[in-house]
Amino acid sequence: MENKLTIKGLFENEQELLDVIKKRKICYDSEPYYSTKKGELIQIGYQLGIYGTFPEGHKNATPDDPEFSKVLHDVRRVAEALSNTCDPLHMCEATIIDSNTVTYAHVRKLRPDVTVHIPVFDQQNYGHPVDDNVRNTLEMAGKILESAGVKKIRWEE
């Protein structure tokens, strides 16, 4: 796995990637990803959340706002770059789930966020419990995002 995002076809160059990350104050976090097997909840992986926000002082942060689709487009490009970079067994070309809402989290100072989720699990053996390969894939994904300037959990200046 490379240690940098694969941006070909998504960004013109590294500078455009950096500019988008800074403009949208893109950050990420993760949470457990579960499946049900025989009525039992089993953690099979993680859901990586990538968040971007509206321009400073933007007043109409709703899904109907034309700026929403621009933020979503930028966040999705970062998510796709990560998906193109990753270990194919666990995340590459994974289903990227777009949000159709604006969320506000205390951890990000209630800024209006647009979210894209990437599930991280073993795609060849769906349903087995989290193992070191899945954990290592998540850890590497975080390192790759951070090396591009994406912040973990929140953007601080």
C-alpha atoms as a PDB file:
ATOM      1  CA  MET A   1       0.000   0.000   0.000  1.00  0.00           C
ATOM      2  CA  GLU A   2       1.334   3.407  -0.938  1.00  0.00           C
ATOM      3  CA  ASN A   3       1.738   6.085   1.686  1.00  0.00           C
ATOM      4  CA  LYS A   4       0.064   8.794  -0.336  1.00  0.00           C
ATOM      5  CA  LEU A   5      -3.362   9.285  -1.867  1.00  0.00           C
ATOM      6  CA  THR A   6      -3.854   8.149  -5.445  1.00  0.00           C
ATOM      7  CA  ILE A   7      -5.291  11.323  -6.983  1.00  0.00           C
ATOM      8  CA  LYS A   8      -5.088  10.551 -10.707  1.00  0.00           C
ATOM      9  CA  GLY A   9      -8.361  11.489 -12.401  1.00  0.00           C
ATOM     10  CA  LEU A  10      -9.674  13.161  -9.233  1.00  0.00           C
ATOM     11  CA  PHE A  11      -7.341  16.132  -8.710  1.00  0.00           C
ATOM     12  CA  GLU A  12      -5.147  17.946 -11.218  1.00  0.00           C
ATOM     13  CA  ASN A  13      -2.153  17.790  -8.881  1.00  0.00           C
ATOM     14  CA  GLU A  14      -1.053  17.600  -5.238  1.00  0.00           C
ATOM     15  CA  GLN A  15      -1.592  21.337  -4.760  1.00  0.00           C
ATOM     16  CA  GLU A  16      -5.258  21.085  -5.760  1.00  0.00           C
ATOM     17  CA  LEU A  17      -5.678  18.246  -3.249  1.00  0.00           C
ATOM     18  CA  LEU A  18      -4.063  20.341  -0.501  1.00  0.00           C
ATOM     19  CA  ASP A  19      -6.193  23.364  -1.412  1.00  0.00           C
ATOM     20  CA  VAL A  20      -9.427  21.344  -1.269  1.00  0.00           C
ATOM     21  CA  ILE A  21      -8.494  19.768   2.073  1.00  0.00           C
ATOM     22  CA  LYS A  22      -7.757  23.191   3.538  1.00  0.00           C
ATOM     23  CA  LYS A  23     -10.773  24.923   1.963  1.00  0.00           C
ATOM     24  CA  ARG A  24     -13.212  22.263   3.212  1.00  0.00           C
ATOM     25  CA  LYS A  25     -11.310  21.688   6.480  1.00  0.00           C
ATOM     26  CA  ILE A  26     -11.523  17.967   5.811  1.00  0.00           C
ATOM     27  CA  CYS A  27     -11.150  15.632   8.774  1.00  0.00           C
ATOM     28  CA  TYR A  28     -11.936  12.014   9.547  1.00  0.00           C
ATOM     29  CA  ASP A  29     -12.828   9.583  12.282  1.00  0.00           C
ATOM     30  CA  SER A  30     -13.925   5.969  12.536  1.00  0.00           C
ATOM     31  CA  GLU A  31     -16.481   3.905  14.367  1.00  0.00           C
ATOM     32  CA  PRO A  32     -17.231   0.191  14.629  1.00  0.00           C
ATOM     33  CA  TYR A  33     -19.036  -1.448  11.699  1.00  0.00           C
ATOM     34  CA  TYR A  34     -21.356  -4.306  12.633  1.00  0.00           C
ATOM     35  CA  SER A  35     -23.194  -7.161  10.982  1.00  0.00           C
ATOM     36  CA  THR A  36     -25.790  -9.523  12.390  1.00  0.00           C
ATOM     37  CA  LYS A  37     -25.098 -13.243  12.303  1.00  0.00           C
ATOM     38  CA  LYS A  38     -27.617 -15.685  13.780  1.00  0.00           C
ATOM     39  CA  GLY A  39     -29.186 -12.852  15.745  1.00  0.00           C
ATOM     40  CA  GLU A  40     -25.865 -11.759  17.205  1.00  0.00           C
ATOM     41  CA  LEU A  41     -24.210  -8.392  16.556  1.00  0.00           C
ATOM     42  CA  ILE A  42     -20.600  -8.880  15.416  1.00  0.00           C
ATOM     43  CA  GLN A  43     -18.058  -6.156  14.692  1.00  0.00           C
ATOM     44  CA  ILE A  44     -16.744  -6.997  11.232  1.00  0.00           C
ATOM     45  CA  GLY A  45     -14.884  -3.770  10.562  1.00  0.00           C
ATOM     46  CA  TYR A  46     -15.013  -0.025  10.807  1.00  0.00           C
ATOM     47  CA  GLN A  47     -16.780   2.810   9.110  1.00  0.00           C
ATOM     48  CA  LEU A  48     -14.410   5.608   8.188  1.00  0.00           C
ATOM     49  CA  GLY A  49     -16.148   8.987   8.159  1.00  0.00           C
ATOM     50  CA  ILE A  50     -14.680  11.814   6.110  1.00  0.00           C
ATOM     51  CA  TYR A  51     -16.094  15.265   6.862  1.00  0.00           C
ATOM     52  CA  GLY A  52     -15.934  18.563   5.022  1.00  0.00           C
ATOM     53  CA  THR A  53     -17.573  21.873   5.779  1.00  0.00           C
ATOM     54  CA  PHE A  54     -19.029  24.932   4.110  1.00  0.00           C
ATOM     55  CA  PRO A  55     -17.089  28.180   3.644  1.00  0.00           C
ATOM     56  CA  GLU A  56     -16.582  30.260   6.793  1.00  0.00           C
ATOM     57  CA  GLY A  57     -19.709  32.281   7.608  1.00  0.00           C
ATOM     58  CA  HIS A  58     -21.938  30.404   5.148  1.00  0.00           C
ATOM     59  CA  LYS A  59     -25.536  30.929   6.267  1.00  0.00           C
ATOM     60  CA  ASN A  60     -27.622  28.345   4.384  1.00  0.00           C
ATOM     61  CA  ALA A  61     -25.982  25.006   5.209  1.00  0.00           C
ATOM     62  CA  THR A  62     -28.736  22.653   4.057  1.00  0.00           C
ATOM     63  CA  PRO A  63     -28.878  19.824   1.503  1.00  0.00           C
ATOM     64  CA  ASP A  64     -30.922  22.142  -0.754  1.00  0.00           C
ATOM     65  CA  ASP A  65     -28.157  24.746  -0.829  1.00  0.00           C
ATOM     66  CA  PRO A  66     -26.099  24.646  -4.070  1.00  0.00           C
ATOM     67  CA  GLU A  67     -22.933  24.774  -1.915  1.00  0.00           C
ATOM     68  CA  PHE A  68     -23.915  21.391  -0.364  1.00  0.00           C
ATOM     69  CA  SER A  69     -23.253  19.543  -3.630  1.00  0.00           C
ATOM     70  CA  LYS A  70     -19.888  21.322  -4.003  1.00  0.00           C
ATOM     71  CA  VAL A  71     -18.810  20.292  -0.491  1.00  0.00           C
ATOM     72  CA  LEU A  72     -20.043  16.734  -1.074  1.00  0.00           C
ATOM     73  CA  HIS A  73     -18.153  16.583  -4.390  1.00  0.00           C
ATOM     74  CA  ASP A  74     -14.899  17.666  -2.743  1.00  0.00           C
ATOM     75  CA  VAL A  75     -15.238  15.289   0.223  1.00  0.00           C
ATOM     76  CA  ARG A  76     -16.168  12.435  -2.092  1.00  0.00           C
ATOM     77  CA  ARG A  77     -13.057  13.059  -4.229  1.00  0.00           C
ATOM     78  CA  VAL A  78     -10.863  12.661  -1.143  1.00  0.00           C
ATOM     79  CA  ALA A  79     -12.752   9.466  -0.211  1.00  0.00           C
ATOM     80  CA  GLU A  80     -12.341   8.091  -3.738  1.00  0.00           C
ATOM     81  CA  ALA A  81      -8.629   8.905  -3.693  1.00  0.00           C
ATOM     82  CA  LEU A  82      -8.309   6.923  -0.469  1.00  0.00           C
ATOM     83  CA  SER A  83     -10.315   4.038  -1.892  1.00  0.00           C
ATOM     84  CA  ASN A  84      -8.031   4.025  -4.955  1.00  0.00           C
ATOM     85  CA  THR A  85      -4.968   3.876  -2.686  1.00  0.00           C
ATOM     86  CA  CYS A  86      -5.922   1.117  -0.323  1.00  0.00           C
ATOM     87  CA  ASP A  87      -5.512  -2.615   0.149  1.00  0.00           C
ATOM     88  CA  PRO A  88      -8.027  -4.176  -2.259  1.00  0.00           C
ATOM     89  CA  LEU A  89      -8.918  -6.952   0.153  1.00  0.00           C
ATOM     90  CA  HIS A  90     -10.287  -4.561   2.734  1.00  0.00           C
ATOM     91  CA  MET A  91     -11.276  -1.276   1.209  1.00  0.00           C
ATOM     92  CA  CYS A  92     -10.251  -0.616  -2.375  1.00  0.00           C
ATOM     93  CA  GLU A  93     -13.142   0.421  -4.553  1.00  0.00           C
ATOM     94  CA  ALA A  94     -15.387  -0.025  -1.553  1.00  0.00           C
ATOM     95  CA  THR A  95     -18.886   1.324  -1.587  1.00  0.00           C
ATOM     96  CA  ILE A  96     -18.606   4.957  -0.663  1.00  0.00           C
ATOM     97  CA  ILE A  97     -21.756   6.168   1.021  1.00  0.00           C
ATOM     98  CA  ASP A  98     -22.695   9.807   0.559  1.00  0.00           C
ATOM     99  CA  SER A  99     -24.631  11.715   3.144  1.00  0.00           C
ATOM    100  CA  ASN A 100     -27.734  13.596   2.131  1.00  0.00           C
ATOM    101  CA  THR A 101     -27.825  15.643   5.320  1.00  0.00           C
ATOM    102  CA  VAL A 102     -25.835  18.272   7.118  1.00  0.00           C
ATOM    103  CA  THR A 103     -24.633  17.205  10.556  1.00  0.00           C
ATOM    104  CA  TYR A 104     -23.313  19.114  13.533  1.00  0.00           C
ATOM    105  CA  ALA A 105     -20.948  17.442  16.003  1.00  0.00           C
ATOM    106  CA  HIS A 106     -19.736  18.964  19.267  1.00  0.00           C
ATOM    107  CA  VAL A 107     -16.287  17.482  18.647  1.00  0.00           C
ATOM    108  CA  ARG A 108     -16.048  19.670  15.509  1.00  0.00           C
ATOM    109  CA  LYS A 109     -17.464  22.764  17.273  1.00  0.00           C
ATOM    110  CA  LEU A 110     -20.916  22.330  15.673  1.00  0.00           C
ATOM    111  CA  ARG A 111     -19.729  23.320  12.234  1.00  0.00           C
ATOM    112  CA  PRO A 112     -22.019  22.178   9.385  1.00  0.00           C
ATOM    113  CA  ASP A 113     -20.503  18.946   8.029  1.00  0.00           C
ATOM    114  CA  VAL A 114     -21.114  16.943   4.891  1.00  0.00           C
ATOM    115  CA  THR A 115     -20.033  13.333   5.391  1.00  0.00           C
ATOM    116  CA  VAL A 116     -18.868  10.483   3.201  1.00  0.00           C
ATOM    117  CA  HIS A 117     -18.495   7.015   4.764  1.00  0.00           C
ATOM    118  CA  ILE A 118     -16.177   4.224   3.663  1.00  0.00           C
ATOM    119  CA  PRO A 119     -16.733   0.784   5.190  1.00  0.00           C
ATOM    120  CA  VAL A 120     -13.479  -1.011   6.039  1.00  0.00           C
ATOM    121  CA  PHE A 121     -13.876  -4.798   6.275  1.00  0.00           C
ATOM    122  CA  ASP A 122     -12.675  -7.984   4.608  1.00  0.00           C
ATOM    123  CA  GLN A 123     -14.612  -7.982   1.338  1.00  0.00           C
ATOM    124  CA  GLN A 124     -13.604 -11.543   0.423  1.00  0.00           C
ATOM    125  CA  ASN A 125     -14.776 -13.057   3.715  1.00  0.00           C
ATOM    126  CA  TYR A 126     -17.650 -10.777   4.634  1.00  0.00           C
ATOM    127  CA  GLY A 127     -18.986 -11.274   8.114  1.00  0.00           C
ATOM    128  CA  HIS A 128     -15.957 -12.535  10.000  1.00  0.00           C
ATOM    129  CA  PRO A 129     -14.928 -10.587  13.111  1.00  0.00           C
ATOM    130  CA  VAL A 130     -12.388  -7.775  12.923  1.00  0.00           C
ATOM    131  CA  ASP A 131      -8.836  -9.071  12.643  1.00  0.00           C
ATOM    132  CA  ASP A 132      -5.364  -7.518  12.481  1.00  0.00           C
ATOM    133  CA  ASN A 133      -5.592  -7.064   8.701  1.00  0.00           C
ATOM    134  CA  VAL A 134      -8.725  -4.931   9.023  1.00  0.00           C
ATOM    135  CA  ARG A 135      -7.275  -2.959  11.952  1.00  0.00           C
ATOM    136  CA  ASN A 136      -4.023  -2.408  10.043  1.00  0.00           C
ATOM    137  CA  THR A 137      -5.944  -1.247   6.963  1.00  0.00           C
ATOM    138  CA  LEU A 138      -7.825   1.310   9.058  1.00  0.00           C
ATOM    139  CA  GLU A 139      -4.604   2.502  10.675  1.00  0.00           C
ATOM    140  CA  MET A 140      -2.872   2.853   7.296  1.00  0.00           C
ATOM    141  CA  ALA A 141      -5.883   4.719   5.869  1.00  0.00           C
ATOM    142  CA  GLY A 142      -5.611   7.223   8.723  1.00  0.00           C
ATOM    143  CA  LYS A 143      -1.888   7.697   8.121  1.00  0.00           C
ATOM    144  CA  ILE A 144      -2.442   8.228   4.406  1.00  0.00           C
ATOM    145  CA  LEU A 145      -5.176  10.794   5.041  1.00  0.00           C
ATOM    146  CA  GLU A 146      -3.066  12.619   7.610  1.00  0.00           C
ATOM    147  CA  SER A 147      -0.053  12.690   5.288  1.00  0.00           C
ATOM    148  CA  ALA A 148      -2.256  14.548   2.781  1.00  0.00           C
ATOM    149  CA  GLY A 149      -3.260  17.118   5.402  1.00  0.00           C
ATOM    150  CA  VAL A 150      -6.590  15.626   6.514  1.00  0.00           C
ATOM    151  CA  LYS A 151      -7.005  16.082  10.266  1.00  0.00           C
ATOM    152  CA  LYS A 152      -8.064  13.357  12.676  1.00  0.00           C
ATOM    153  CA  ILE A 153     -11.423  14.084  14.347  1.00  0.00           C
ATOM    154  CA  ARG A 154     -11.417  17.891  13.992  1.00  0.00           C
ATOM    155  CA  TRP A 155      -9.748  20.761  12.220  1.00  0.00           C
ATOM    156  CA  GLU A 156      -7.774  23.059  14.473  1.00  0.00           C
ATOM    157  CA  GLU A 157      -5.958  26.146  13.340  1.00  0.00           C
END
